[in-house]
Protein backbone atom coordinates (compact mmCIF):
# COMPACT_ATOMS: atom_id res chain seq x y z
CA UNK A 1 241.55 156.77 225.05
CA UNK A 2 243.52 159.16 222.85
CA UNK A 3 242.50 162.70 222.07
CA UNK A 4 243.03 164.75 218.94
CA UNK A 5 244.27 168.34 219.04
CA UNK A 6 243.44 170.27 215.87
CA UNK A 7 245.43 173.31 214.80
CA UNK A 8 244.42 175.46 211.85
CA UNK A 9 247.24 176.72 209.66
CA UNK A 10 246.36 179.45 207.19
CA UNK A 11 247.49 179.09 203.59
CA UNK A 12 249.85 182.04 203.75
CA UNK A 13 251.53 180.92 206.99
CA UNK A 14 253.34 177.76 205.94
CA UNK A 15 256.29 177.68 208.31
CA UNK A 16 258.35 174.74 209.51
CA UNK A 17 258.36 174.78 212.49
CA UNK A 18 255.09 176.67 212.70
CA UNK A 19 254.53 178.48 216.03
CA UNK A 20 251.05 176.95 216.48
CA UNK A 21 252.53 173.45 216.03
CA UNK A 22 255.23 174.23 218.58
CA UNK A 23 252.55 175.44 221.00
CA UNK A 24 250.48 172.31 220.39
CA UNK A 25 253.52 170.17 221.23
CA UNK A 26 254.22 172.21 224.39
CA UNK A 27 250.62 171.92 225.64
CA UNK A 28 250.11 168.42 224.34
CA UNK A 29 247.75 166.12 226.15
CA UNK A 30 249.38 162.73 226.80
CA UNK A 31 248.73 160.29 223.91
CA UNK A 32 247.06 163.03 221.84
CA UNK A 33 247.33 163.19 218.08
CA UNK A 34 248.01 166.58 216.50
CA UNK A 35 245.88 167.19 213.43
CA UNK A 36 246.70 170.06 211.08
CA UNK A 37 243.73 171.65 209.32
CA UNK A 38 244.34 173.37 205.97
CA UNK A 39 241.40 174.88 204.10
CA UNK A 40 241.40 175.84 200.43
CA UNK A 41 238.54 178.33 200.14
CA UNK A 42 237.47 179.67 196.75
CA UNK A 43 235.84 182.69 198.43
CA UNK A 44 239.05 183.52 200.28
CA UNK A 45 241.10 183.17 197.10
CA UNK A 46 238.75 185.57 195.30
CA UNK A 47 239.30 188.06 198.13
CA UNK A 48 243.07 187.62 197.77
CA UNK A 49 243.76 190.09 194.98
CA UNK A 50 246.62 188.65 193.03
CA UNK A 51 247.48 187.41 189.60
CA UNK A 52 246.08 183.99 188.69
CA UNK A 53 249.58 182.53 188.53
CA UNK A 54 250.34 183.66 192.08
CA UNK A 55 247.13 182.07 193.36
CA UNK A 56 248.17 178.85 191.60
CA UNK A 57 251.51 179.00 193.39
CA UNK A 58 249.80 179.50 196.76
CA UNK A 59 247.57 176.46 196.18
CA UNK A 60 250.50 174.29 195.05
CA UNK A 61 252.47 175.45 198.06
CA UNK A 62 249.61 174.51 200.41
CA UNK A 63 249.42 171.04 198.90
CA UNK A 64 253.17 170.52 199.16
CA UNK A 65 253.10 171.79 202.75
CA UNK A 66 250.34 169.29 203.57
CA UNK A 67 252.40 166.46 202.05
CA UNK A 68 255.48 167.61 203.97
CA UNK A 69 253.57 167.64 207.27
CA UNK A 70 252.26 164.14 206.57
CA UNK A 71 255.84 163.05 205.97
CA UNK A 72 256.72 164.44 209.40
CA UNK A 73 254.00 162.26 210.94
CA UNK A 74 251.19 164.78 211.38
CA UNK A 75 247.60 163.91 210.65
CA UNK A 76 246.62 166.43 207.94
CA UNK A 77 243.02 167.41 207.20
CA UNK A 78 243.12 169.23 203.84
CA UNK A 79 239.73 170.53 202.79
CA UNK A 80 238.44 172.31 199.71
CA UNK A 81 235.28 174.40 199.96
CA UNK A 82 233.58 177.31 198.21
CA UNK A 83 233.65 179.22 201.52
CA UNK A 84 234.26 178.56 205.19
CA UNK A 85 230.53 178.87 205.90
CA UNK A 86 229.69 176.16 203.35
CA UNK A 87 232.42 173.92 204.71
CA UNK A 88 230.45 173.28 207.91
CA UNK A 89 226.89 173.56 206.65
């Protein structure tokens, strides 16, 4: 039976290699799949005081990062939600 280890990467912390991914590999359970969770939250973006064009760049960057991680073989869970609370309700 294989397990899944989920790591949450914030939208403004798109690093390759990301420290949380390195840590997940170091502590990896045998035969476990590493899933990367990326959340696009409208509430969080409203809190992020920036020009509309910069917010657009952040969102595009998150989507490209997700595609890049998939290309590296990671299971990517990319979610869009009005807020984090509504994501799990």
